[in-house]
Protein backbone atom coordinates (compact mmCIF):
# COMPACT_ATOMS: atom_id res chain seq x y z
CA MET A 1 -3.66 9.13 -15.99
CA HIS A 2 -1.73 9.86 -13.11
CA PRO A 3 1.78 7.76 -12.51
CA LEU A 4 0.10 6.45 -9.08
CA ALA A 5 -2.84 5.34 -11.06
CA ARG A 6 -0.37 3.21 -13.42
CA THR A 7 1.58 1.64 -10.80
CA TRP A 8 -1.41 0.32 -9.35
CA ILE A 9 -2.55 -0.99 -12.48
CA ASP A 10 0.71 -2.27 -13.85
CA ASP A 11 2.72 -3.75 -10.20
CA VAL A 12 -0.12 -4.70 -8.02
CA LEU A 13 -3.37 -5.45 -9.66
CA ALA A 14 -1.96 -6.85 -13.37
CA GLY A 15 1.74 -7.52 -11.51
CA SER A 16 -0.22 -9.63 -8.44
CA PRO A 17 0.98 -13.32 -8.26
CA VAL A 18 -3.01 -14.47 -9.41
CA ALA A 19 -2.97 -12.12 -12.49
CA ARG A 20 0.57 -13.16 -13.31
CA SER A 21 -0.11 -17.29 -13.30
CA LEU A 22 -3.09 -16.19 -15.64
CA GLY A 23 -1.33 -14.24 -17.77
CA ILE A 24 -3.36 -11.14 -17.59
CA GLU A 25 -2.48 -8.53 -18.99
CA VAL A 26 -2.94 -4.86 -19.65
CA LEU A 27 -4.23 -3.59 -22.89
CA ASP A 28 -4.85 0.29 -22.60
CA ALA A 29 -5.34 2.15 -19.42
CA ARG A 30 -6.61 5.26 -19.19
CA PRO A 31 -8.32 7.57 -16.88
CA GLU A 32 -11.94 5.56 -15.60
CA GLU A 33 -11.44 2.73 -18.41
CA VAL A 34 -9.25 -0.28 -18.89
CA ARG A 35 -8.77 -3.22 -20.91
CA LEU A 36 -7.33 -6.52 -19.89
CA GLY A 37 -6.40 -9.14 -22.11
CA LEU A 38 -5.82 -12.78 -21.53
CA ALA A 39 -4.55 -15.40 -23.89
CA PHE A 40 -6.35 -18.68 -23.97
CA ARG A 41 -4.46 -21.65 -22.51
CA ASP A 42 -5.74 -25.15 -21.95
CA ASP A 43 -4.55 -25.43 -18.25
CA LEU A 44 -7.23 -22.60 -17.47
CA THR A 45 -10.27 -25.07 -18.86
CA THR A 46 -12.72 -26.62 -17.21
CA VAL A 47 -13.47 -29.42 -20.02
CA PRO A 48 -11.29 -29.43 -23.25
CA GLY A 49 -11.74 -25.84 -25.54
CA VAL A 50 -13.78 -23.93 -22.78
CA LEU A 51 -12.26 -21.45 -20.18
CA HIS A 52 -13.08 -21.93 -16.41
CA GLY A 53 -15.95 -19.77 -15.46
CA GLY A 54 -13.61 -18.55 -12.36
CA VAL A 55 -10.73 -17.93 -14.59
CA ILE A 56 -13.40 -15.39 -16.01
CA ALA A 57 -14.35 -14.16 -13.03
CA THR A 58 -11.02 -13.12 -12.38
CA VAL A 59 -10.22 -11.63 -14.98
CA MET A 60 -13.40 -9.51 -14.44
CA ASP A 61 -12.41 -9.02 -10.82
CA VAL A 62 -9.12 -7.79 -11.83
CA ALA A 63 -10.63 -5.26 -14.59
CA GLY A 64 -12.96 -3.79 -12.23
CA ALA A 65 -10.39 -2.98 -9.82
CA ALA A 66 -7.88 -1.52 -12.33
CA ALA A 67 -11.16 0.65 -13.43
CA SER A 68 -11.43 1.84 -10.17
CA ALA A 69 -7.47 2.44 -9.78
CA SER A 70 -7.14 4.37 -12.92
CA GLY A 71 -8.36 7.33 -11.34
CA LEU A 72 -6.12 7.98 -8.23
CA THR A 73 -3.89 10.52 -7.61
CA ASP A 74 -1.72 11.45 -4.59
CA ARG A 75 -4.12 13.41 -3.16
CA ASP A 76 -6.23 10.07 -2.73
CA ASP A 77 -3.88 8.73 -0.08
CA ALA A 78 -4.94 5.04 -0.82
CA THR A 79 -3.35 2.35 0.81
CA GLY A 80 -5.55 -0.20 -1.22
CA GLY A 81 -8.51 -1.69 -2.03
CA ALA A 82 -10.99 -4.35 -2.58
CA THR A 83 -14.05 -6.05 -4.37
CA THR A 84 -16.92 -5.56 -2.25
CA GLN A 85 -19.17 -7.18 -4.68
CA LEU A 86 -19.22 -8.85 -8.17
CA ASP A 87 -22.21 -9.54 -10.28
CA ILE A 88 -21.43 -12.04 -13.13
CA SER A 89 -23.68 -12.89 -16.22
CA TYR A 90 -21.56 -15.54 -18.40
CA VAL A 91 -23.75 -15.57 -21.97
CA SER A 92 -21.61 -17.71 -24.07
CA ALA A 93 -18.41 -20.07 -23.72
CA GLY A 94 -14.88 -18.76 -23.57
CA THR A 95 -13.23 -20.54 -26.43
CA GLY A 96 -10.24 -18.58 -27.20
CA ASP A 97 -8.30 -15.33 -25.97
CA LEU A 98 -10.27 -12.80 -24.27
CA VAL A 99 -10.55 -8.75 -23.88
CA ALA A 100 -11.81 -7.11 -20.91
CA THR A 101 -13.12 -3.82 -21.11
CA ALA A 102 -13.92 -2.05 -17.58
CA THR A 103 -15.71 1.45 -17.72
CA VAL A 104 -16.08 3.18 -14.38
CA LEU A 105 -20.07 4.06 -14.37
CA ASP A 106 -19.75 6.02 -10.86
CA ARG A 107 -17.14 7.10 -8.47
CA THR A 108 -17.05 8.45 -4.98
CA ARG A 109 -14.44 9.13 -2.20
CA SER A 110 -14.18 5.46 -1.32
CA THR A 111 -16.19 3.45 -3.83
CA THR A 112 -16.22 2.70 -7.37
CA HIS A 113 -18.77 1.12 -9.23
CA SER A 114 -17.95 -0.18 -12.82
CA HIS A 115 -19.24 -1.91 -15.84
CA VAL A 116 -17.13 -5.15 -17.21
CA VAL A 117 -17.62 -6.50 -21.05
CA VAL A 118 -15.51 -9.49 -21.86
CA ARG A 119 -15.55 -10.60 -25.54
CA GLY A 120 -13.68 -13.09 -27.59
CA ALA A 121 -10.74 -12.52 -30.00
CA ASP A 122 -13.87 -12.52 -32.42
CA GLY A 123 -15.82 -10.10 -30.86
CA ARG A 124 -18.50 -12.51 -29.46
CA LEU A 125 -19.86 -11.50 -25.98
CA VAL A 126 -18.22 -13.66 -23.21
CA ALA A 127 -19.53 -12.26 -19.87
CA THR A 128 -20.65 -8.87 -18.47
CA ALA A 129 -20.15 -7.69 -14.93
CA GLN A 130 -21.09 -4.90 -11.97
CA VAL A 131 -17.89 -4.33 -10.12
CA THR A 132 -18.09 -2.12 -7.03
CA SER A 133 -14.79 -1.73 -5.38
CA ARG A 134 -13.67 -0.41 -2.56
CA ILE A 135 -10.79 2.33 -1.71
CA PHE A 136 -8.93 2.06 1.22
CA ARG A 137 -7.57 5.51 2.59
CA ARG A 138 -5.08 6.27 5.45
CA SER A 139 -7.03 7.62 8.59
CA ARG A 140 -5.95 11.02 9.06
CA ALA A 141 -5.14 12.14 12.76
């Protein structure tokens, strides 16, 4: 993985204020695939014992963006990015620690489509998502 990609994943995405406040951590990152972890905390729940759906959505959003960033190199002239679409299917309640695995399905010069799977620590499927990410680049004069 290019060092620039790793910087975007670790410092910009996982290091963002929202990701840090939730406790999102990078478990593994390689080109086109990233794994993130989220430790269960009571202050992230909707009702006792169940993680808020918005927390799970945020983990999926960060995972999709990290997968998009995983393919960056100096040649890309990237200045940032944004999620343009996030389509989530919740399958079961998040009742413990989570692992989100994001895999790039398609990459163009400006857009990345990723599939994200969130599982509980026991391997149980919690949610899936399709994430479309836009990569912003320096304009060339």
